[in-house]
Amino acid sequence: MAENVSKFDSKYLKAKRIARRRQRRRIQVVGFGILLLIIILILLYMFTPLSKVKHVYISGNDNISTKEIRQTVNVTSHSRMYTFSTGKAEKKLEDKTMIKRASVHKQFPNSLAVKVAEYQIVGLVKRKDNYVPILENGKVLDKDDAGEDNGPVLTNFNKEKEKYMISELSKIPKDVRSSISEISYQPEKGNVNQIKLYTSDDIQVLGNIRTIASKMKYYPQMSESLERDESGNLKRSGYIDLTVGAAFVPYSENTSDQSNSEKNVKEGSDHEDKAKDELQNTLNKIDKNKDKGKEKNN
């Protein structure tokens, strides 16, 4: 009896081993088939038009043309996804005067995504006999490289003050900066950083180079707070003084010369005090709203 059981066990174990070997062979065949299929697909991708770069999507450019970016990236009819160097393309783009940063990413199966960040054109400066665009990093452009919106013209600045003014202009929102037509450096005794701005809505602004960026970003609200007639003109002509705080200073009625008026504005009148208070209150409200927004975010 024991001998019959032993023979049965031996046959069972042998059958089990054979089943396991067959299962391993099936797994090996399936694995080999999958590997072979992957290799075939890779070869098909590599050596057929599927791997050629067909699309280049470009974003982030305002002043430098899409055509110029495409030429710099240099995708040809022979460019393939697996051999194209995104690193070299990024370096070539960042060598362009107007491009601050560039990123090039491959998108399967045959596309490139190119994203650039440009240096801002912050204004126009005089070089020799021409006014040429200047970037936020201080580099001067050829006139042909300029965009339509070049910012304000800078006049009367020495090199040191011009450099600082350019840095401050880059901090002013683009829509506000585009509303400034000219900035003139006009230092006075006791205020070597004084500047005068001329805006597109015909309001002059007196400011300080070191604080103008933080204050001018609120210029649209300040301009809207001033009383105007039905035609949109100021009811009382004057200028905005941002050298200390914020105040609207009406021109004196005793003289037609604006520059003398600015030096001899009538102080202490109820009308002037009211105008000054209204503009300062506007700036204070803006600051309070900004602080409330910060508290909510925190």
C-alpha atoms as a PDB file:
ATOM      1  CA  MET A   1       0.000   0.000   0.000  1.00  0.00           C
ATOM      2  CA  ALA A   2       2.771   2.408   0.936  1.00  0.00           C
ATOM      3  CA  GLU A   3       4.569   1.624  -2.312  1.00  0.00           C
ATOM      4  CA  ASN A   4       1.474   2.569  -4.375  1.00  0.00           C
ATOM      5  CA  VAL A   5       1.171   5.916  -2.516  1.00  0.00           C
ATOM      6  CA  SER A   6       4.849   6.655  -3.152  1.00  0.00           C
ATOM      7  CA  LYS A   7       4.438   6.018  -6.883  1.00  0.00           C
ATOM      8  CA  PHE A   8       1.389   8.293  -6.965  1.00  0.00           C
ATOM      9  CA  ASP A   9       3.287  11.105  -5.237  1.00  0.00           C
ATOM     10  CA  SER A  10       6.188  10.738  -7.634  1.00  0.00           C
ATOM     11  CA  LYS A  11       3.913  10.980 -10.696  1.00  0.00           C
ATOM     12  CA  TYR A  12       2.122  14.024  -9.201  1.00  0.00           C
ATOM     13  CA  LEU A  13       5.379  15.893  -8.517  1.00  0.00           C
ATOM     14  CA  LYS A  14       6.694  15.074 -12.001  1.00  0.00           C
ATOM     15  CA  ALA A  15       3.493  16.399 -13.625  1.00  0.00           C
ATOM     16  CA  LYS A  16       3.706  19.531 -11.494  1.00  0.00           C
ATOM     17  CA  ARG A  17       7.311  20.189 -12.582  1.00  0.00           C
ATOM     18  CA  ILE A  18       6.361  19.746 -16.227  1.00  0.00           C
ATOM     19  CA  ALA A  19       3.452  22.227 -15.824  1.00  0.00           C
ATOM     20  CA  ARG A  20       5.766  24.783 -14.225  1.00  0.00           C
ATOM     21  CA  ARG A  21       8.308  24.454 -17.073  1.00  0.00           C
ATOM     22  CA  ARG A  22       5.547  24.948 -19.636  1.00  0.00           C
ATOM     23  CA  GLN A  23       4.297  28.034 -17.769  1.00  0.00           C
ATOM     24  CA  ARG A  24       7.825  29.497 -17.692  1.00  0.00           C
ATOM     25  CA  ARG A  25       8.199  28.862 -21.414  1.00  0.00           C
ATOM     26  CA  ARG A  26       4.889  30.624 -22.097  1.00  0.00           C
ATOM     27  CA  ILE A  27       5.975  33.608 -20.000  1.00  0.00           C
ATOM     28  CA  GLN A  28       9.328  33.707 -21.800  1.00  0.00           C
ATOM     29  CA  VAL A  29       7.653  33.535 -25.220  1.00  0.00           C
ATOM     30  CA  VAL A  30       5.191  36.309 -24.297  1.00  0.00           C
ATOM     31  CA  GLY A  31       7.998  38.447 -22.810  1.00  0.00           C
ATOM     32  CA  PHE A  32      10.167  37.942 -25.859  1.00  0.00           C
ATOM     33  CA  GLY A  33       7.207  38.803 -28.111  1.00  0.00           C
ATOM     34  CA  ILE A  34       6.534  42.050 -26.191  1.00  0.00           C
ATOM     35  CA  LEU A  35      10.232  42.994 -26.272  1.00  0.00           C
ATOM     36  CA  LEU A  36      10.388  42.269 -29.987  1.00  0.00           C
ATOM     37  CA  LEU A  37       7.276  44.398 -30.568  1.00  0.00           C
ATOM     38  CA  ILE A  38       8.779  47.297 -28.589  1.00  0.00           C
ATOM     39  CA  ILE A  39      12.012  47.085 -30.599  1.00  0.00           C
ATOM     40  CA  ILE A  40      10.048  47.060 -33.858  1.00  0.00           C
ATOM     41  CA  LEU A  41       7.981  50.087 -32.770  1.00  0.00           C
ATOM     42  CA  ILE A  42      11.138  51.983 -31.734  1.00  0.00           C
ATOM     43  CA  LEU A  43      12.785  51.226 -35.068  1.00  0.00           C
ATOM     44  CA  LEU A  44       9.660  52.268 -36.944  1.00  0.00           C
ATOM     45  CA  TYR A  45       9.555  55.526 -34.974  1.00  0.00           C
ATOM     46  CA  MET A  46      13.262  56.232 -35.442  1.00  0.00           C
ATOM     47  CA  PHE A  47      13.535  55.513 -39.143  1.00  0.00           C
ATOM     48  CA  THR A  48      10.210  56.762 -40.460  1.00  0.00           C
ATOM     49  CA  PRO A  49       8.789  60.306 -40.745  1.00  0.00           C
ATOM     50  CA  LEU A  50       7.002  59.774 -37.405  1.00  0.00           C
ATOM     51  CA  SER A  51      10.076  60.957 -35.462  1.00  0.00           C
ATOM     52  CA  LYS A  52      10.680  64.079 -37.541  1.00  0.00           C
ATOM     53  CA  VAL A  53       9.887  67.362 -35.774  1.00  0.00           C
ATOM     54  CA  LYS A  54       6.705  68.599 -37.406  1.00  0.00           C
ATOM     55  CA  HIS A  55       5.362  71.242 -35.012  1.00  0.00           C
ATOM     56  CA  VAL A  56       7.025  74.043 -33.037  1.00  0.00           C
ATOM     57  CA  TYR A  57       4.718  75.834 -30.592  1.00  0.00           C
ATOM     58  CA  ILE A  58       6.043  79.224 -29.442  1.00  0.00           C
ATOM     59  CA  SER A  59       4.780  81.338 -26.534  1.00  0.00           C
ATOM     60  CA  GLY A  60       5.878  84.308 -24.411  1.00  0.00           C
ATOM     61  CA  ASN A  61       7.153  86.552 -27.205  1.00  0.00           C
ATOM     62  CA  ASP A  62       5.848  90.102 -27.681  1.00  0.00           C
ATOM     63  CA  ASN A  63       8.698  92.063 -29.225  1.00  0.00           C
ATOM     64  CA  ILE A  64      10.795  89.368 -30.864  1.00  0.00           C
ATOM     65  CA  SER A  65       9.008  87.782 -33.821  1.00  0.00           C
ATOM     66  CA  THR A  66       7.848  84.173 -33.969  1.00  0.00           C
ATOM     67  CA  LYS A  67       9.703  83.866 -37.277  1.00  0.00           C
ATOM     68  CA  GLU A  68      13.002  84.881 -35.655  1.00  0.00           C
ATOM     69  CA  ILE A  69      12.500  82.386 -32.820  1.00  0.00           C
ATOM     70  CA  ARG A  70      11.826  79.586 -35.328  1.00  0.00           C
ATOM     71  CA  GLN A  71      14.975  80.465 -37.244  1.00  0.00           C
ATOM     72  CA  THR A  72      17.014  80.481 -34.030  1.00  0.00           C
ATOM     73  CA  VAL A  73      15.642  77.111 -32.875  1.00  0.00           C
ATOM     74  CA  ASN A  74      16.606  75.888 -36.370  1.00  0.00           C
ATOM     75  CA  VAL A  75      14.237  72.987 -36.939  1.00  0.00           C
ATOM     76  CA  THR A  76      14.865  71.594 -40.435  1.00  0.00           C
ATOM     77  CA  SER A  77      13.160  68.933 -42.535  1.00  0.00           C
ATOM     78  CA  HIS A  78      15.793  66.486 -41.259  1.00  0.00           C
ATOM     79  CA  SER A  79      15.422  67.276 -37.537  1.00  0.00           C
ATOM     80  CA  ARG A  80      14.387  64.238 -35.515  1.00  0.00           C
ATOM     81  CA  MET A  81      13.027  64.208 -31.992  1.00  0.00           C
ATOM     82  CA  TYR A  82      15.647  61.814 -30.581  1.00  0.00           C
ATOM     83  CA  THR A  83      18.636  63.735 -31.972  1.00  0.00           C
ATOM     84  CA  PHE A  84      17.403  67.323 -31.521  1.00  0.00           C
ATOM     85  CA  SER A  85      19.256  69.114 -28.681  1.00  0.00           C
ATOM     86  CA  THR A  86      16.910  71.214 -26.575  1.00  0.00           C
ATOM     87  CA  GLY A  87      19.872  72.497 -24.541  1.00  0.00           C
ATOM     88  CA  LYS A  88      21.595  73.969 -27.616  1.00  0.00           C
ATOM     89  CA  ALA A  89      18.325  75.516 -28.778  1.00  0.00           C
ATOM     90  CA  GLU A  90      17.819  77.183 -25.365  1.00  0.00           C
ATOM     91  CA  LYS A  91      21.360  78.574 -25.390  1.00  0.00           C
ATOM     92  CA  LYS A  92      20.938  80.021 -28.890  1.00  0.00           C
ATOM     93  CA  LEU A  93      17.689  81.692 -27.839  1.00  0.00           C
ATOM     94  CA  GLU A  94      19.204  83.157 -24.664  1.00  0.00           C
ATOM     95  CA  ASP A  95      22.057  84.599 -26.727  1.00  0.00           C
ATOM     96  CA  LYS A  96      19.475  86.877 -28.367  1.00  0.00           C
ATOM     97  CA  THR A  97      19.574  90.398 -26.927  1.00  0.00           C
ATOM     98  CA  MET A  98      15.897  90.543 -26.041  1.00  0.00           C
ATOM     99  CA  ILE A  99      15.466  87.088 -24.505  1.00  0.00           C
ATOM    100  CA  LYS A 100      15.970  86.726 -20.760  1.00  0.00           C
ATOM    101  CA  ARG A 101      15.077  83.031 -20.418  1.00  0.00           C
ATOM    102  CA  ALA A 102      14.105  80.242 -22.786  1.00  0.00           C
ATOM    103  CA  SER A 103      12.858  76.698 -22.336  1.00  0.00           C
ATOM    104  CA  VAL A 104      12.455  74.072 -25.064  1.00  0.00           C
ATOM    105  CA  HIS A 105      10.606  70.834 -24.317  1.00  0.00           C
ATOM    106  CA  LYS A 106       9.865  67.802 -26.485  1.00  0.00           C
ATOM    107  CA  GLN A 107       6.261  66.712 -26.758  1.00  0.00           C
ATOM    108  CA  PHE A 108       5.700  63.181 -28.041  1.00  0.00           C
ATOM    109  CA  PRO A 109       5.411  62.204 -30.808  1.00  0.00           C
ATOM    110  CA  ASN A 110       6.822  65.035 -32.940  1.00  0.00           C
ATOM    111  CA  SER A 111       6.378  68.501 -31.400  1.00  0.00           C
ATOM    112  CA  LEU A 112       8.510  71.087 -29.597  1.00  0.00           C
ATOM    113  CA  ALA A 113       7.177  73.594 -27.060  1.00  0.00           C
ATOM    114  CA  VAL A 114       9.265  76.784 -26.961  1.00  0.00           C
ATOM    115  CA  LYS A 115       8.614  79.320 -24.208  1.00  0.00           C
ATOM    116  CA  VAL A 116      10.555  82.577 -23.877  1.00  0.00           C
ATOM    117  CA  ALA A 117      10.660  85.391 -21.334  1.00  0.00           C
ATOM    118  CA  GLU A 118      11.703  88.720 -22.830  1.00  0.00           C
ATOM    119  CA  TYR A 119      13.518  91.664 -21.328  1.00  0.00           C
ATOM    120  CA  GLN A 120      11.112  94.594 -21.100  1.00  0.00           C
ATOM    121  CA  ILE A 121      11.589  97.637 -23.299  1.00  0.00           C
ATOM    122  CA  VAL A 122      11.265 100.323 -20.633  1.00  0.00           C
ATOM    123  CA  GLY A 123      11.921 103.527 -22.558  1.00  0.00           C
ATOM    124  CA  LEU A 124      13.765 105.510 -25.188  1.00  0.00           C
ATOM    125  CA  VAL A 125      17.152 107.115 -24.565  1.00  0.00           C
ATOM    126  CA  LYS A 126      19.256 109.424 -26.700  1.00  0.00           C
ATOM    127  CA  ARG A 127      22.342 107.891 -28.257  1.00  0.00           C
ATOM    128  CA  LYS A 128      24.231 110.204 -30.589  1.00  0.00           C
ATOM    129  CA  ASP A 129      21.468 111.939 -32.556  1.00  0.00           C
ATOM    130  CA  ASN A 130      18.727 109.342 -32.194  1.00  0.00           C
ATOM    131  CA  TYR A 131      16.368 108.082 -29.526  1.00  0.00           C
ATOM    132  CA  VAL A 132      16.628 104.301 -29.309  1.00  0.00           C
ATOM    133  CA  PRO A 133      14.816 101.699 -27.181  1.00  0.00           C
ATOM    134  CA  ILE A 134      16.528 100.469 -24.017  1.00  0.00           C
ATOM    135  CA  LEU A 135      15.886  97.239 -22.120  1.00  0.00           C
ATOM    136  CA  GLU A 136      15.460  96.770 -18.385  1.00  0.00           C
ATOM    137  CA  ASN A 137      19.017  95.377 -18.200  1.00  0.00           C
ATOM    138  CA  GLY A 138      20.412  98.571 -19.741  1.00  0.00           C
ATOM    139  CA  LYS A 139      21.128  97.165 -23.204  1.00  0.00           C
ATOM    140  CA  VAL A 140      20.306  99.444 -26.109  1.00  0.00           C
ATOM    141  CA  LEU A 141      18.455  98.112 -29.152  1.00  0.00           C
ATOM    142  CA  ASP A 142      18.709  99.045 -32.787  1.00  0.00           C
ATOM    143  CA  LYS A 143      15.636 100.949 -33.901  1.00  0.00           C
ATOM    144  CA  ASP A 144      14.681  98.029 -36.153  1.00  0.00           C
ATOM    145  CA  ASP A 145      14.511  95.715 -33.117  1.00  0.00           C
ATOM    146  CA  ALA A 146      11.988  97.876 -31.310  1.00  0.00           C
ATOM    147  CA  GLY A 147       8.383  97.009 -30.697  1.00  0.00           C
ATOM    148  CA  GLU A 148       5.466  99.371 -31.080  1.00  0.00           C
ATOM    149  CA  ASP A 149       5.296 100.268 -27.389  1.00  0.00           C
ATOM    150  CA  ASN A 150       8.703 101.582 -26.374  1.00  0.00           C
ATOM    151  CA  GLY A 151       7.769 103.410 -23.180  1.00  0.00           C
ATOM    152  CA  PRO A 152       8.643 106.979 -22.169  1.00  0.00           C
ATOM    153  CA  VAL A 153      11.451 109.134 -23.535  1.00  0.00           C
ATOM    154  CA  LEU A 154      14.153 109.790 -20.913  1.00  0.00           C
ATOM    155  CA  THR A 155      15.709 113.268 -21.058  1.00  0.00           C
ATOM    156  CA  ASN A 156      18.392 115.180 -19.117  1.00  0.00           C
ATOM    157  CA  PHE A 157      19.628 112.081 -17.255  1.00  0.00           C
ATOM    158  CA  ASN A 158      23.294 111.465 -16.500  1.00  0.00           C
ATOM    159  CA  LYS A 159      24.562 107.879 -16.744  1.00  0.00           C
ATOM    160  CA  GLU A 160      24.157 107.078 -13.053  1.00  0.00           C
ATOM    161  CA  LYS A 161      20.606 108.433 -12.740  1.00  0.00           C
ATOM    162  CA  GLU A 162      19.587 106.952 -16.092  1.00  0.00           C
ATOM    163  CA  LYS A 163      20.676 103.491 -14.941  1.00  0.00           C
ATOM    164  CA  TYR A 164      18.631 103.804 -11.744  1.00  0.00           C
ATOM    165  CA  MET A 165      15.626 105.190 -13.625  1.00  0.00           C
ATOM    166  CA  ILE A 166      15.692 102.246 -16.047  1.00  0.00           C
ATOM    167  CA  SER A 167      15.686  99.822 -13.118  1.00  0.00           C
ATOM    168  CA  GLU A 168      12.686 101.587 -11.556  1.00  0.00           C
ATOM    169  CA  LEU A 169      10.774 101.660 -14.847  1.00  0.00           C
ATOM    170  CA  SER A 170      10.991  97.872 -15.063  1.00  0.00           C
ATOM    171  CA  LYS A 171       9.042  97.694 -11.763  1.00  0.00           C
ATOM    172  CA  ILE A 172       6.159  99.835 -13.041  1.00  0.00           C
ATOM    173  CA  PRO A 173       3.283  97.860 -14.628  1.00  0.00           C
ATOM    174  CA  LYS A 174       3.428  97.930 -18.427  1.00  0.00           C
ATOM    175  CA  ASP A 175       0.018  99.583 -18.843  1.00  0.00           C
ATOM    176  CA  VAL A 176       1.040 102.414 -16.496  1.00  0.00           C
ATOM    177  CA  ARG A 177       4.463 102.744 -18.105  1.00  0.00           C
ATOM    178  CA  SER A 178       2.890 103.042 -21.552  1.00  0.00           C
ATOM    179  CA  SER A 179       0.797 105.980 -20.296  1.00  0.00           C
ATOM    180  CA  ILE A 180       3.987 107.980 -19.606  1.00  0.00           C
ATOM    181  CA  SER A 181       5.223 109.887 -22.647  1.00  0.00           C
ATOM    182  CA  GLU A 182       8.354 111.504 -21.163  1.00  0.00           C
ATOM    183  CA  ILE A 183      10.421 111.519 -17.987  1.00  0.00           C
ATOM    184  CA  SER A 184      12.793 114.422 -17.396  1.00  0.00           C
ATOM    185  CA  TYR A 185      15.503 114.534 -14.731  1.00  0.00           C
ATOM    186  CA  GLN A 186      15.082 117.869 -12.919  1.00  0.00           C
ATOM    187  CA  PRO A 187      17.115 117.906  -9.705  1.00  0.00           C
ATOM    188  CA  GLU A 188      16.778 120.742  -7.230  1.00  0.00           C
ATOM    189  CA  LYS A 189      18.741 121.809  -4.208  1.00  0.00           C
ATOM    190  CA  GLY A 190      17.834 119.359  -1.476  1.00  0.00           C
ATOM    191  CA  ASN A 191      16.330 116.866  -3.932  1.00  0.00           C
ATOM    192  CA  VAL A 192      18.906 115.463  -6.341  1.00  0.00           C
ATOM    193  CA  ASN A 193      16.534 112.645  -7.335  1.00  0.00           C
ATOM    194  CA  GLN A 194      13.642 114.804  -8.541  1.00  0.00           C
ATOM    195  CA  ILE A 195      12.023 113.914 -11.860  1.00  0.00           C
ATOM    196  CA  LYS A 196       9.055 115.176 -13.859  1.00  0.00           C
ATOM    197  CA  LEU A 197       6.758 112.844 -15.772  1.00  0.00           C
ATOM    198  CA  TYR A 198       4.435 113.798 -18.613  1.00  0.00           C
ATOM    199  CA  THR A 199       1.473 111.467 -19.084  1.00  0.00           C
ATOM    200  CA  SER A 200      -0.778 110.695 -22.035  1.00  0.00           C
ATOM    201  CA  ASP A 201      -3.777 112.202 -20.200  1.00  0.00           C
ATOM    202  CA  ASP A 202      -1.957 115.564 -19.996  1.00  0.00           C
ATOM    203  CA  ILE A 203      -1.172 115.438 -16.299  1.00  0.00           C
ATOM    204  CA  GLN A 204       2.307 116.281 -15.092  1.00  0.00           C
ATOM    205  CA  VAL A 205       3.713 114.300 -12.184  1.00  0.00           C
ATOM    206  CA  LEU A 206       6.545 115.398  -9.926  1.00  0.00           C
ATOM    207  CA  GLY A 207       8.372 112.514  -8.311  1.00  0.00           C
ATOM    208  CA  ASN A 208      11.498 111.012  -6.825  1.00  0.00           C
ATOM    209  CA  ILE A 209      13.550 108.415  -8.723  1.00  0.00           C
ATOM    210  CA  ARG A 210      13.807 106.196  -5.644  1.00  0.00           C
ATOM    211  CA  THR A 211      10.074 106.073  -4.878  1.00  0.00           C
ATOM    212  CA  ILE A 212       8.430 106.612  -8.269  1.00  0.00           C
ATOM    213  CA  ALA A 213       7.968 102.897  -9.050  1.00  0.00           C
ATOM    214  CA  SER A 214       6.059 102.131  -5.832  1.00  0.00           C
ATOM    215  CA  LYS A 215       3.793 105.169  -6.281  1.00  0.00           C
ATOM    216  CA  MET A 216       3.176 105.247 -10.035  1.00  0.00           C
ATOM    217  CA  LYS A 217       1.627 101.772 -10.034  1.00  0.00           C
ATOM    218  CA  TYR A 218      -1.379 103.499  -8.407  1.00  0.00           C
ATOM    219  CA  TYR A 219      -1.457 106.310 -10.973  1.00  0.00           C
ATOM    220  CA  PRO A 220      -4.674 105.131 -12.728  1.00  0.00           C
ATOM    221  CA  GLN A 221      -6.605 105.344  -9.441  1.00  0.00           C
ATOM    222  CA  MET A 222      -5.066 108.724  -8.614  1.00  0.00           C
ATOM    223  CA  SER A 223      -5.935 110.115 -12.054  1.00  0.00           C
ATOM    224  CA  GLU A 224      -9.530 108.885 -11.762  1.00  0.00           C
ATOM    225  CA  SER A 225      -9.932 110.583  -8.382  1.00  0.00           C
ATOM    226  CA  LEU A 226      -9.345 114.055  -9.867  1.00  0.00           C
ATOM    227  CA  GLU A 227     -12.397 116.152 -10.719  1.00  0.00           C
ATOM    228  CA  ARG A 228     -13.042 116.508 -14.448  1.00  0.00           C
ATOM    229  CA  ASP A 229     -15.590 118.257 -16.650  1.00  0.00           C
ATOM    230  CA  GLU A 230     -17.864 116.598 -19.212  1.00  0.00           C
ATOM    231  CA  SER A 231     -15.061 116.680 -21.804  1.00  0.00           C
ATOM    232  CA  GLY A 232     -12.744 114.799 -19.495  1.00  0.00           C
ATOM    233  CA  ASN A 233     -10.487 117.798 -18.784  1.00  0.00           C
ATOM    234  CA  LEU A 234      -9.435 118.661 -15.259  1.00  0.00           C
ATOM    235  CA  LYS A 235     -11.759 121.212 -13.664  1.00  0.00           C
ATOM    236  CA  ARG A 236      -8.721 122.903 -12.178  1.00  0.00           C
ATOM    237  CA  SER A 237      -5.335 122.590 -13.868  1.00  0.00           C
ATOM    238  CA  GLY A 238      -2.423 121.394 -11.786  1.00  0.00           C
ATOM    239  CA  TYR A 239       0.099 118.616 -11.279  1.00  0.00           C
ATOM    240  CA  ILE A 240       0.441 115.559  -9.057  1.00  0.00           C
ATOM    241  CA  ASP A 241       3.245 115.794  -6.517  1.00  0.00           C
ATOM    242  CA  LEU A 242       4.580 112.392  -5.457  1.00  0.00           C
ATOM    243  CA  THR A 243       7.896 113.585  -4.030  1.00  0.00           C
ATOM    244  CA  VAL A 244       6.531 113.254  -0.492  1.00  0.00           C
ATOM    245  CA  GLY A 245       3.212 111.436  -0.045  1.00  0.00           C
ATOM    246  CA  ALA A 246       0.699 112.246  -2.779  1.00  0.00           C
ATOM    247  CA  ALA A 247      -0.898 115.608  -3.526  1.00  0.00           C
ATOM    248  CA  PHE A 248      -2.639 117.383  -6.382  1.00  0.00           C
ATOM    249  CA  VAL A 249      -1.224 120.900  -6.566  1.00  0.00           C
ATOM    250  CA  PRO A 250      -3.262 123.407  -8.620  1.00  0.00           C
ATOM    251  CA  TYR A 251      -1.307 125.898 -10.700  1.00  0.00           C
ATOM    252  CA  SER A 252      -1.378 129.492  -9.492  1.00  0.00           C
ATOM    253  CA  GLU A 253      -3.901 131.727 -11.242  1.00  0.00           C
ATOM    254  CA  ASN A 254      -1.599 134.751 -10.957  1.00  0.00           C
ATOM    255  CA  THR A 255       0.766 133.710 -13.750  1.00  0.00           C
ATOM    256  CA  SER A 256       0.558 131.955 -17.087  1.00  0.00           C
ATOM    257  CA  ASP A 257       4.037 130.444 -16.759  1.00  0.00           C
ATOM    258  CA  GLN A 258       3.621 126.878 -15.502  1.00  0.00           C
ATOM    259  CA  SER A 259       7.215 126.456 -14.345  1.00  0.00           C
ATOM    260  CA  ASN A 260       6.959 129.598 -12.224  1.00  0.00           C
ATOM    261  CA  SER A 261       3.514 128.527 -11.101  1.00  0.00           C
ATOM    262  CA  GLU A 262       4.891 125.270  -9.794  1.00  0.00           C
ATOM    263  CA  LYS A 263       7.451 127.160  -7.732  1.00  0.00           C
ATOM    264  CA  ASN A 264       4.970 129.727  -6.463  1.00  0.00           C
ATOM    265  CA  VAL A 265       1.804 127.680  -5.937  1.00  0.00           C
ATOM    266  CA  LYS A 266      -0.622 129.300  -3.551  1.00  0.00           C
ATOM    267  CA  GLU A 267      -0.449 127.396  -0.301  1.00  0.00           C
ATOM    268  CA  GLY A 268      -3.032 127.294   2.446  1.00  0.00           C
ATOM    269  CA  SER A 269      -6.144 128.006   0.346  1.00  0.00           C
ATOM    270  CA  ASP A 270      -9.162 125.836   1.078  1.00  0.00           C
ATOM    271  CA  HIS A 271      -9.359 124.640  -2.531  1.00  0.00           C
ATOM    272  CA  GLU A 272      -5.722 123.480  -2.603  1.00  0.00           C
ATOM    273  CA  ASP A 273      -5.945 121.808   0.775  1.00  0.00           C
ATOM    274  CA  LYS A 274      -9.068 119.950  -0.322  1.00  0.00           C
ATOM    275  CA  ALA A 275      -7.429 118.802  -3.579  1.00  0.00           C
ATOM    276  CA  LYS A 276      -4.335 117.609  -1.749  1.00  0.00           C
ATOM    277  CA  ASP A 277      -6.386 115.754   0.858  1.00  0.00           C
ATOM    278  CA  GLU A 278      -8.529 114.025  -1.776  1.00  0.00           C
ATOM    279  CA  LEU A 279      -5.520 112.591  -3.609  1.00  0.00           C
ATOM    280  CA  GLN A 280      -3.749 111.563  -0.415  1.00  0.00           C
ATOM    281  CA  ASN A 281      -6.947 109.894   0.813  1.00  0.00           C
ATOM    282  CA  THR A 282      -7.138 107.967  -2.459  1.00  0.00           C
ATOM    283  CA  LEU A 283      -3.580 106.706  -1.988  1.00  0.00           C
ATOM    284  CA  ASN A 284      -4.307 105.810   1.640  1.00  0.00           C
ATOM    285  CA  LYS A 285      -7.405 103.804   0.623  1.00  0.00           C
ATOM    286  CA  ILE A 286      -5.369 101.906  -1.952  1.00  0.00           C
ATOM    287  CA  ASP A 287      -2.737 101.067   0.673  1.00  0.00           C
ATOM    288  CA  LYS A 288      -5.425  99.929   3.157  1.00  0.00           C
ATOM    289  CA  ASN A 289      -7.069  97.674   0.577  1.00  0.00           C
ATOM    290  CA  LYS A 290      -3.684  96.211  -0.265  1.00  0.00           C
ATOM    291  CA  ASP A 291      -2.978  95.508   3.435  1.00  0.00           C
ATOM    292  CA  LYS A 292      -6.417  93.867   3.870  1.00  0.00           C
ATOM    293  CA  GLY A 293      -5.711  91.645   0.878  1.00  0.00           C
ATOM    294  CA  LYS A 294      -2.417  90.546   2.435  1.00  0.00           C
ATOM    295  CA  GLU A 295      -4.147  89.747   5.745  1.00  0.00           C
ATOM    296  CA  LYS A 296      -6.759  87.591   3.973  1.00  0.00           C
ATOM    297  CA  ASN A 297      -4.065  85.696   2.105  1.00  0.00           C
ATOM    298  CA  ASN A 298      -2.204  85.080   5.363  1.00  0.00           C
END
